[in-house]
């Protein structure tokens, strides 16, 4: 199945919103079971300030639909986000894709 990447940057001063919706975000991730690897970007203060997620979807339209259903997106956490096709080309830690 094709891989896609979400890159997203949180709105300023939105850490409380991220924390309030984090449990729902993780529940969505577990329920859909498409994420291969992901985690937050960090600010200069080492606070969560965005997201990077690599996941599987049938095609770009399905990938965008999956992202649009993420509780973080529905809560308005991101100042901007993007979904793009992604290809694994270097994997020295042997992450399973």
PDB file of N, CA and C in Angstrom:
ATOM      1  N   UNK A   1       0.856  -1.179   0.000  1.00  0.00           N
ATOM      2  CA  UNK A   1       0.000   0.000   0.000  1.00  0.00           C
ATOM      3  C   UNK A   1       0.902   1.242   0.000  1.00  0.00           C
ATOM      4  N   UNK A   2       0.520   2.290  -0.724  1.00  0.00           N
ATOM      5  CA  UNK A   2       1.333   3.510  -0.791  1.00  0.00           C
ATOM      6  C   UNK A   2       1.465   4.194   0.572  1.00  0.00           C
ATOM      7  N   UNK A   3       2.588   4.895   0.726  1.00  0.00           N
ATOM      8  CA  UNK A   3       2.852   5.662   1.939  1.00  0.00           C
ATOM      9  C   UNK A   3       2.642   7.150   1.672  1.00  0.00           C
ATOM     10  N   UNK A   4       2.214   7.847   2.730  1.00  0.00           N
ATOM     11  CA  UNK A   4       2.000   9.291   2.680  1.00  0.00           C
ATOM     12  C   UNK A   4       2.566   9.905   3.943  1.00  0.00           C
ATOM     13  N   UNK A   5       2.871  11.196   3.869  1.00  0.00           N
ATOM     14  CA  UNK A   5       3.372  11.912   5.039  1.00  0.00           C
ATOM     15  C   UNK A   5       2.506  13.135   5.287  1.00  0.00           C
ATOM     16  N   UNK A   6       2.185  13.330   6.555  1.00  0.00           N
ATOM     17  CA  UNK A   6       1.542  14.566   7.009  1.00  0.00           C
ATOM     18  C   UNK A   6       2.611  15.396   7.689  1.00  0.00           C
ATOM     19  N   UNK A   7       2.743  16.638   7.291  1.00  0.00           N
ATOM     20  CA  UNK A   7       3.532  17.608   8.042  1.00  0.00           C
ATOM     21  C   UNK A   7       2.570  18.715   8.450  1.00  0.00           C
ATOM     22  N   UNK A   8       2.599  19.042   9.721  1.00  0.00           N
ATOM     23  CA  UNK A   8       1.650  20.016  10.248  1.00  0.00           C
ATOM     24  C   UNK A   8       2.321  20.880  11.302  1.00  0.00           C
ATOM     25  N   UNK A   9       1.991  22.141  11.299  1.00  0.00           N
ATOM     26  CA  UNK A   9       2.511  23.090  12.279  1.00  0.00           C
ATOM     27  C   UNK A   9       1.331  23.628  13.088  1.00  0.00           C
ATOM     28  N   UNK A  10       1.460  23.547  14.409  1.00  0.00           N
ATOM     29  CA  UNK A  10       0.395  24.020  15.292  1.00  0.00           C
ATOM     30  C   UNK A  10       0.252  25.537  15.227  1.00  0.00           C
ATOM     31  N   UNK A  11      -0.958  25.997  15.509  1.00  0.00           N
ATOM     32  CA  UNK A  11      -1.175  27.432  15.691  1.00  0.00           C
ATOM     33  C   UNK A  11      -0.390  27.884  16.922  1.00  0.00           C
ATOM     34  N   UNK A  12      -0.033  29.146  16.955  1.00  0.00           N
ATOM     35  CA  UNK A  12       0.693  29.670  18.117  1.00  0.00           C
ATOM     36  C   UNK A  12      -0.143  29.520  19.373  1.00  0.00           C
ATOM     37  N   UNK A  13       0.554  29.269  20.470  1.00  0.00           N
ATOM     38  CA  UNK A  13      -0.070  29.160  21.796  1.00  0.00           C
ATOM     39  C   UNK A  13      -1.183  28.109  21.845  1.00  0.00           C
ATOM     40  N   UNK A  14      -1.014  27.017  21.106  1.00  0.00           N
ATOM     41  CA  UNK A  14      -2.072  26.006  21.041  1.00  0.00           C
ATOM     42  C   UNK A  14      -1.728  24.728  21.812  1.00  0.00           C
ATOM     43  N   UNK A  15      -0.676  24.756  22.623  1.00  0.00           N
ATOM     44  CA  UNK A  15      -0.332  23.564  23.386  1.00  0.00           C
ATOM     45  C   UNK A  15      -1.500  23.066  24.238  1.00  0.00           C
ATOM     46  N   UNK A  16      -2.263  23.943  24.913  1.00  0.00           N
ATOM     47  CA  UNK A  16      -3.416  23.431  25.677  1.00  0.00           C
ATOM     48  C   UNK A  16      -4.428  22.681  24.802  1.00  0.00           C
ATOM     49  N   UNK A  17      -4.669  23.153  23.583  1.00  0.00           N
ATOM     50  CA  UNK A  17      -5.584  22.467  22.673  1.00  0.00           C
ATOM     51  C   UNK A  17      -5.010  21.113  22.264  1.00  0.00           C
ATOM     52  N   UNK A  18      -3.729  21.067  21.972  1.00  0.00           N
ATOM     53  CA  UNK A  18      -3.079  19.798  21.609  1.00  0.00           C
ATOM     54  C   UNK A  18      -3.226  18.804  22.752  1.00  0.00           C
ATOM     55  N   UNK A  19      -2.949  19.234  23.953  1.00  0.00           N
ATOM     56  CA  UNK A  19      -3.036  18.327  25.100  1.00  0.00           C
ATOM     57  C   UNK A  19      -4.471  17.866  25.335  1.00  0.00           C
ATOM     58  N   UNK A  20      -5.431  18.755  25.120  1.00  0.00           N
ATOM     59  CA  UNK A  20      -6.837  18.415  25.342  1.00  0.00           C
ATOM     60  C   UNK A  20      -7.356  17.403  24.314  1.00  0.00           C
ATOM     61  N   UNK A  21      -6.782  17.389  23.122  1.00  0.00           N
ATOM     62  CA  UNK A  21      -7.256  16.485  22.069  1.00  0.00           C
ATOM     63  C   UNK A  21      -6.310  15.316  21.817  1.00  0.00           C
ATOM     64  N   UNK A  22      -5.246  15.240  22.569  1.00  0.00           N
ATOM     65  CA  UNK A  22      -4.233  14.210  22.324  1.00  0.00           C
ATOM     66  C   UNK A  22      -4.779  12.793  22.505  1.00  0.00           C
ATOM     67  N   UNK A  23      -5.574  12.567  23.531  1.00  0.00           N
ATOM     68  CA  UNK A  23      -6.129  11.236  23.759  1.00  0.00           C
ATOM     69  C   UNK A  23      -7.015  10.800  22.578  1.00  0.00           C
ATOM     70  N   UNK A  24      -7.826  11.711  22.074  1.00  0.00           N
ATOM     71  CA  UNK A  24      -8.674  11.402  20.921  1.00  0.00           C
ATOM     72  C   UNK A  24      -7.832  11.145  19.671  1.00  0.00           C
ATOM     73  N   UNK A  25      -6.755  11.899  19.512  1.00  0.00           N
ATOM     74  CA  UNK A  25      -5.841  11.705  18.379  1.00  0.00           C
ATOM     75  C   UNK A  25      -5.231  10.305  18.434  1.00  0.00           C
ATOM     76  N   UNK A  26      -4.760   9.898  19.613  1.00  0.00           N
ATOM     77  CA  UNK A  26      -4.181   8.562  19.751  1.00  0.00           C
ATOM     78  C   UNK A  26      -5.225   7.472  19.556  1.00  0.00           C
ATOM     79  N   UNK A  27      -6.429   7.685  20.023  1.00  0.00           N
ATOM     80  CA  UNK A  27      -7.504   6.709  19.820  1.00  0.00           C
ATOM     81  C   UNK A  27      -7.791   6.543  18.323  1.00  0.00           C
ATOM     82  N   UNK A  28      -7.824   7.655  17.595  1.00  0.00           N
ATOM     83  CA  UNK A  28      -8.034   7.612  16.145  1.00  0.00           C
ATOM     84  C   UNK A  28      -6.895   6.850  15.468  1.00  0.00           C
ATOM     85  N   UNK A  29      -5.674   7.116  15.895  1.00  0.00           N
ATOM     86  CA  UNK A  29      -4.514   6.422  15.324  1.00  0.00           C
ATOM     87  C   UNK A  29      -4.622   4.915  15.545  1.00  0.00           C
ATOM     88  N   UNK A  30      -4.989   4.521  16.743  1.00  0.00           N
ATOM     89  CA  UNK A  30      -5.117   3.090  17.049  1.00  0.00           C
ATOM     90  C   UNK A  30      -6.284   2.465  16.291  1.00  0.00           C
ATOM     91  N   UNK A  31      -7.391   3.166  16.228  1.00  0.00           N
ATOM     92  CA  UNK A  31      -8.591   2.659  15.566  1.00  0.00           C
ATOM     93  C   UNK A  31      -8.370   2.436  14.071  1.00  0.00           C
ATOM     94  N   UNK A  32      -7.707   3.381  13.418  1.00  0.00           N
ATOM     95  CA  UNK A  32      -7.509   3.294  11.974  1.00  0.00           C
ATOM     96  C   UNK A  32      -6.318   2.414  11.606  1.00  0.00           C
ATOM     97  N   UNK A  33      -5.337   2.311  12.487  1.00  0.00           N
ATOM     98  CA  UNK A  33      -4.202   1.396  12.324  1.00  0.00           C
ATOM     99  C   UNK A  33      -3.466   1.552  10.988  1.00  0.00           C
ATOM    100  N   UNK A  34      -3.265   2.790  10.550  1.00  0.00           N
ATOM    101  CA  UNK A  34      -2.550   3.022   9.294  1.00  0.00           C
ATOM    102  C   UNK A  34      -1.193   3.705   9.497  1.00  0.00           C
ATOM    103  N   UNK A  35      -0.948   4.218  10.688  1.00  0.00           N
ATOM    104  CA  UNK A  35       0.298   4.957  10.934  1.00  0.00           C
ATOM    105  C   UNK A  35       1.463   3.991  11.079  1.00  0.00           C
ATOM    106  N   UNK A  36       2.538   4.294  10.377  1.00  0.00           N
ATOM    107  CA  UNK A  36       3.770   3.517  10.476  1.00  0.00           C
ATOM    108  C   UNK A  36       4.734   4.121  11.489  1.00  0.00           C
ATOM    109  N   UNK A  37       4.799   5.437  11.513  1.00  0.00           N
ATOM    110  CA  UNK A  37       5.660   6.149  12.463  1.00  0.00           C
ATOM    111  C   UNK A  37       5.186   7.599  12.530  1.00  0.00           C
ATOM    112  N   UNK A  38       5.328   8.203  13.675  1.00  0.00           N
ATOM    113  CA  UNK A  38       4.895   9.586  13.795  1.00  0.00           C
ATOM    114  C   UNK A  38       5.331  10.181  15.112  1.00  0.00           C
ATOM    115  N   UNK A  39       5.210  11.479  15.201  1.00  0.00           N
ATOM    116  CA  UNK A  39       5.547  12.172  16.424  1.00  0.00           C
ATOM    117  C   UNK A  39       5.485  13.667  16.238  1.00  0.00           C
ATOM    118  N   UNK A  40       5.607  14.391  17.347  1.00  0.00           N
ATOM    119  CA  UNK A  40       5.491  15.847  17.281  1.00  0.00           C
ATOM    120  C   UNK A  40       6.800  16.536  16.916  1.00  0.00           C
ATOM    121  N   UNK A  41       6.665  17.651  16.218  1.00  0.00           N
ATOM    122  CA  UNK A  41       7.778  18.590  16.107  1.00  0.00           C
ATOM    123  C   UNK A  41       7.872  19.296  17.459  1.00  0.00           C
ATOM    124  N   UNK A  42       9.048  19.785  17.793  1.00  0.00           N
ATOM    125  CA  UNK A  42       9.246  20.485  19.059  1.00  0.00           C
ATOM    126  C   UNK A  42       9.631  21.938  18.817  1.00  0.00           C
ATOM    127  N   UNK A  43       9.183  22.798  19.707  1.00  0.00           N
ATOM    128  CA  UNK A  43       9.543  24.215  19.662  1.00  0.00           C
ATOM    129  C   UNK A  43      10.919  24.401  20.292  1.00  0.00           C
ATOM    130  N   UNK A  44      11.399  25.632  20.272  1.00  0.00           N
ATOM    131  CA  UNK A  44      12.671  25.957  20.919  1.00  0.00           C
ATOM    132  C   UNK A  44      12.619  25.665  22.422  1.00  0.00           C
ATOM    133  N   UNK A  45      11.414  25.682  22.980  1.00  0.00           N
ATOM    134  CA  UNK A  45      11.216  25.370  24.411  1.00  0.00           C
ATOM    135  C   UNK A  45      11.028  23.863  24.640  1.00  0.00           C
ATOM    136  N   UNK A  46      11.175  23.079  23.556  1.00  0.00           N
ATOM    137  CA  UNK A  46      10.976  21.630  23.582  1.00  0.00           C
ATOM    138  C   UNK A  46       9.545  21.242  23.933  1.00  0.00           C
ATOM    139  N   UNK A  47       8.605  22.100  23.535  1.00  0.00           N
ATOM    140  CA  UNK A  47       7.178  21.798  23.661  1.00  0.00           C
ATOM    141  C   UNK A  47       6.667  21.319  22.312  1.00  0.00           C
ATOM    142  N   UNK A  48       5.654  20.451  22.307  1.00  0.00           N
ATOM    143  CA  UNK A  48       5.068  19.974  21.059  1.00  0.00           C
ATOM    144  C   UNK A  48       4.515  21.154  20.271  1.00  0.00           C
ATOM    145  N   UNK A  49       4.835  21.173  18.967  1.00  0.00           N
ATOM    146  CA  UNK A  49       4.460  22.333  18.162  1.00  0.00           C
ATOM    147  C   UNK A  49       4.042  21.970  16.739  1.00  0.00           C
ATOM    148  N   UNK A  50       3.821  20.713  16.481  1.00  0.00           N
ATOM    149  CA  UNK A  50       3.442  20.259  15.143  1.00  0.00           C
ATOM    150  C   UNK A  50       3.511  18.754  15.083  1.00  0.00           C
ATOM    151  N   UNK A  51       3.288  18.203  13.903  1.00  0.00           N
ATOM    152  CA  UNK A  51       3.271  16.754  13.752  1.00  0.00           C
ATOM    153  C   UNK A  51       3.900  16.316  12.444  1.00  0.00           C
ATOM    154  N   UNK A  52       4.522  15.139  12.493  1.00  0.00           N
ATOM    155  CA  UNK A  52       4.968  14.429  11.309  1.00  0.00           C
ATOM    156  C   UNK A  52       4.437  13.010  11.443  1.00  0.00           C
ATOM    157  N   UNK A  53       3.693  12.559  10.439  1.00  0.00           N
ATOM    158  CA  UNK A  53       3.096  11.229  10.468  1.00  0.00           C
ATOM    159  C   UNK A  53       3.320  10.576   9.112  1.00  0.00           C
ATOM    160  N   UNK A  54       3.854   9.367   9.118  1.00  0.00           N
ATOM    161  CA  UNK A  54       3.976   8.564   7.908  1.00  0.00           C
ATOM    162  C   UNK A  54       2.964   7.432   8.036  1.00  0.00           C
ATOM    163  N   UNK A  55       2.117   7.296   7.025  1.00  0.00           N
ATOM    164  CA  UNK A  55       1.019   6.338   7.111  1.00  0.00           C
ATOM    165  C   UNK A  55       0.671   5.768   5.737  1.00  0.00           C
ATOM    166  N   UNK A  56      -0.111   4.701   5.754  1.00  0.00           N
ATOM    167  CA  UNK A  56      -0.555   4.048   4.530  1.00  0.00           C
ATOM    168  C   UNK A  56      -1.969   4.490   4.174  1.00  0.00           C
ATOM    169  N   UNK A  57      -2.209   4.588   2.873  1.00  0.00           N
ATOM    170  CA  UNK A  57      -3.551   4.850   2.364  1.00  0.00           C
ATOM    171  C   UNK A  57      -3.607   4.342   0.932  1.00  0.00           C
ATOM    172  N   UNK A  58      -4.805   4.102   0.454  1.00  0.00           N
ATOM    173  CA  UNK A  58      -4.977   3.568  -0.898  1.00  0.00           C
ATOM    174  C   UNK A  58      -4.497   4.533  -1.974  1.00  0.00           C
ATOM    175  N   UNK A  59      -4.731   5.831  -1.752  1.00  0.00           N
ATOM    176  CA  UNK A  59      -4.331   6.852  -2.720  1.00  0.00           C
ATOM    177  C   UNK A  59      -4.339   8.206  -2.016  1.00  0.00           C
ATOM    178  N   UNK A  60      -3.981   9.251  -2.750  1.00  0.00           N
ATOM    179  CA  UNK A  60      -3.875  10.579  -2.150  1.00  0.00           C
ATOM    180  C   UNK A  60      -5.225  11.068  -1.616  1.00  0.00           C
ATOM    181  N   UNK A  61      -6.294  10.791  -2.326  1.00  0.00           N
ATOM    182  CA  UNK A  61      -7.614  11.224  -1.850  1.00  0.00           C
ATOM    183  C   UNK A  61      -7.953  10.558  -0.516  1.00  0.00           C
ATOM    184  N   UNK A  62      -7.661   9.276  -0.393  1.00  0.00           N
ATOM    185  CA  UNK A  62      -7.914   8.565   0.865  1.00  0.00           C
ATOM    186  C   UNK A  62      -7.005   9.086   1.971  1.00  0.00           C
ATOM    187  N   UNK A  63      -5.771   9.418   1.626  1.00  0.00           N
ATOM    188  CA  UNK A  63      -4.837   9.966   2.619  1.00  0.00           C
ATOM    189  C   UNK A  63      -5.328  11.311   3.140  1.00  0.00           C
ATOM    190  N   UNK A  64      -5.793  12.155   2.242  1.00  0.00           N
ATOM    191  CA  UNK A  64      -6.319  13.466   2.660  1.00  0.00           C
ATOM    192  C   UNK A  64      -7.572  13.306   3.505  1.00  0.00           C
ATOM    193  N   UNK A  65      -8.419  12.349   3.154  1.00  0.00           N
ATOM    194  CA  UNK A  65      -9.633  12.102   3.933  1.00  0.00           C
ATOM    195  C   UNK A  65      -9.281  11.594   5.326  1.00  0.00           C
ATOM    196  N   UNK A  66      -8.290  10.712   5.414  1.00  0.00           N
ATOM    197  CA  UNK A  66      -7.850  10.215   6.720  1.00  0.00           C
ATOM    198  C   UNK A  66      -7.362  11.382   7.586  1.00  0.00           C
ATOM    199  N   UNK A  67      -6.542  12.236   7.019  1.00  0.00           N
ATOM    200  CA  UNK A  67      -6.009  13.380   7.758  1.00  0.00           C
ATOM    201  C   UNK A  67      -7.136  14.317   8.198  1.00  0.00           C
ATOM    202  N   UNK A  68      -8.083  14.564   7.327  1.00  0.00           N
ATOM    203  CA  UNK A  68      -9.193  15.472   7.653  1.00  0.00           C
ATOM    204  C   UNK A  68     -10.031  14.949   8.817  1.00  0.00           C
ATOM    205  N   UNK A  69     -10.021  13.646   9.036  1.00  0.00           N
ATOM    206  CA  UNK A  69     -10.797  13.053  10.126  1.00  0.00           C
ATOM    207  C   UNK A  69     -10.028  12.977  11.443  1.00  0.00           C
ATOM    208  N   UNK A  70      -8.764  13.344  11.432  1.00  0.00           N
ATOM    209  CA  UNK A  70      -7.946  13.333  12.650  1.00  0.00           C
ATOM    210  C   UNK A  70      -8.522  14.344  13.646  1.00  0.00           C
ATOM    211  N   UNK A  71      -8.700  13.952  14.902  1.00  0.00           N
ATOM    212  CA  UNK A  71      -9.219  14.897  15.904  1.00  0.00           C
ATOM    213  C   UNK A  71      -8.406  16.186  16.023  1.00  0.00           C
ATOM    214  N   UNK A  72      -7.110  16.145  15.794  1.00  0.00           N
ATOM    215  CA  UNK A  72      -6.320  17.376  15.805  1.00  0.00           C
ATOM    216  C   UNK A  72      -6.817  18.342  14.724  1.00  0.00           C
ATOM    217  N   UNK A  73      -7.074  17.821  13.534  1.00  0.00           N
ATOM    218  CA  UNK A  73      -7.564  18.659  12.433  1.00  0.00           C
ATOM    219  C   UNK A  73      -8.961  19.185  12.762  1.00  0.00           C
ATOM    220  N   UNK A  74      -9.819  18.294  13.226  1.00  0.00           N
ATOM    221  CA  UNK A  74     -11.194  18.695  13.555  1.00  0.00           C
ATOM    222  C   UNK A  74     -11.243  19.752  14.653  1.00  0.00           C
ATOM    223  N   UNK A  75     -10.261  19.726  15.567  1.00  0.00           N
ATOM    224  CA  UNK A  75     -10.218  20.706  16.662  1.00  0.00           C
ATOM    225  C   UNK A  75      -9.610  22.038  16.225  1.00  0.00           C
ATOM    226  N   UNK A  76      -9.049  22.103  15.014  1.00  0.00           N
ATOM    227  CA  UNK A  76      -8.443  23.343  14.531  1.00  0.00           C
ATOM    228  C   UNK A  76      -7.063  23.602  15.097  1.00  0.00           C
ATOM    229  N   UNK A  77      -6.330  22.548  15.431  1.00  0.00           N
ATOM    230  CA  UNK A  77      -5.006  22.700  16.044  1.00  0.00           C
ATOM    231  C   UNK A  77      -3.973  23.311  15.100  1.00  0.00           C
ATOM    232  N   UNK A  78      -4.033  22.971  13.839  1.00  0.00           N
ATOM    233  CA  UNK A  78      -2.937  23.316  12.934  1.00  0.00           C
ATOM    234  C   UNK A  78      -3.114  24.666  12.242  1.00  0.00           C
ATOM    235  N   UNK A  79      -2.014  25.427  12.190  1.00  0.00           N
ATOM    236  CA  UNK A  79      -1.979  26.645  11.383  1.00  0.00           C
ATOM    237  C   UNK A  79      -1.959  26.264   9.914  1.00  0.00           C
ATOM    238  N   UNK A  80      -1.243  25.197   9.599  1.00  0.00           N
ATOM    239  CA  UNK A  80      -1.250  24.630   8.250  1.00  0.00           C
ATOM    240  C   UNK A  80      -0.770  23.190   8.322  1.00  0.00           C
ATOM    241  N   UNK A  81      -1.241  22.416   7.366  1.00  0.00           N
ATOM    242  CA  UNK A  81      -0.816  21.022   7.270  1.00  0.00           C
ATOM    243  C   UNK A  81      -0.838  20.614   5.810  1.00  0.00           C
ATOM    244  N   UNK A  82      -0.093  19.568   5.524  1.00  0.00           N
ATOM    245  CA  UNK A  82       0.033  19.093   4.152  1.00  0.00           C
ATOM    246  C   UNK A  82       0.108  17.579   4.160  1.00  0.00           C
ATOM    247  N   UNK A  83      -0.509  16.952   3.183  1.00  0.00           N
ATOM    248  CA  UNK A  83      -0.426  15.512   2.968  1.00  0.00           C
ATOM    249  C   UNK A  83       0.227  15.302   1.611  1.00  0.00           C
ATOM    250  N   UNK A  84       1.301  14.494   1.612  1.00  0.00           N
ATOM    251  CA  UNK A  84       2.020  14.257   0.364  1.00  0.00           C
ATOM    252  C   UNK A  84       2.383  12.792   0.242  1.00  0.00           C
ATOM    253  N   UNK A  85       2.488  12.268  -0.989  1.00  0.00           N
ATOM    254  CA  UNK A  85       3.017  10.921  -1.167  1.00  0.00           C
ATOM    255  C   UNK A  85       4.460  10.872  -0.665  1.00  0.00           C
ATOM    256  N   UNK A  86       4.858   9.711  -0.156  1.00  0.00           N
ATOM    257  CA  UNK A  86       6.198   9.566   0.424  1.00  0.00           C
ATOM    258  C   UNK A  86       6.752   8.205   0.047  1.00  0.00           C
ATOM    259  N   UNK A  87       8.062   8.130  -0.159  1.00  0.00           N
ATOM    260  CA  UNK A  87       8.716   6.871  -0.518  1.00  0.00           C
ATOM    261  C   UNK A  87       9.907   6.642   0.391  1.00  0.00           C
ATOM    262  N   UNK A  88       9.949   5.489   0.998  1.00  0.00           N
ATOM    263  CA  UNK A  88      11.077   5.092   1.833  1.00  0.00           C
ATOM    264  C   UNK A  88      12.270   4.775   0.947  1.00  0.00           C
ATOM    265  N   UNK A  89      13.406   5.437   1.203  1.00  0.00           N
ATOM    266  CA  UNK A  89      14.617   5.146   0.433  1.00  0.00           C
ATOM    267  C   UNK A  89      15.833   4.889   1.308  1.00  0.00           C
ATOM    268  N   UNK A  90      15.760   5.196   2.588  1.00  0.00           N
ATOM    269  CA  UNK A  90      16.888   4.995   3.501  1.00  0.00           C
ATOM    270  C   UNK A  90      16.329   4.612   4.853  1.00  0.00           C
ATOM    271  N   UNK A  91      16.755   3.447   5.381  1.00  0.00           N
ATOM    272  CA  UNK A  91      16.159   2.931   6.607  1.00  0.00           C
ATOM    273  C   UNK A  91      17.211   2.199   7.442  1.00  0.00           C
ATOM    274  N   UNK A  92      18.218   2.923   7.955  1.00  0.00           N
ATOM    275  CA  UNK A  92      19.277   2.249   8.694  1.00  0.00           C
ATOM    276  C   UNK A  92      18.831   1.675  10.042  1.00  0.00           C
ATOM    277  N   UNK A  93      17.676   2.093  10.568  1.00  0.00           N
ATOM    278  CA  UNK A  93      17.215   1.550  11.854  1.00  0.00           C
ATOM    279  C   UNK A  93      16.244   0.393  11.639  1.00  0.00           C
ATOM    280  N   UNK A  94      16.015   0.020  10.380  1.00  0.00           N
ATOM    281  CA  UNK A  94      15.166  -1.099  10.019  1.00  0.00           C
ATOM    282  C   UNK A  94      13.736  -0.942  10.540  1.00  0.00           C
ATOM    283  N   UNK A  95      13.210   0.273  10.429  1.00  0.00           N
ATOM    284  CA  UNK A  95      11.804   0.498  10.774  1.00  0.00           C
ATOM    285  C   UNK A  95      10.940  -0.313   9.814  1.00  0.00           C
ATOM    286  N   UNK A  96       9.890  -0.892  10.326  1.00  0.00           N
ATOM    287  CA  UNK A  96       9.031  -1.769   9.522  1.00  0.00           C
ATOM    288  C   UNK A  96       7.964  -0.961   8.799  1.00  0.00           C
ATOM    289  N   UNK A  97       8.048  -0.926   7.500  1.00  0.00           N
ATOM    290  CA  UNK A  97       7.063  -0.264   6.657  1.00  0.00           C
ATOM    291  C   UNK A  97       6.462  -1.319   5.791  1.00  0.00           C
TER     292      UNK A  97
END
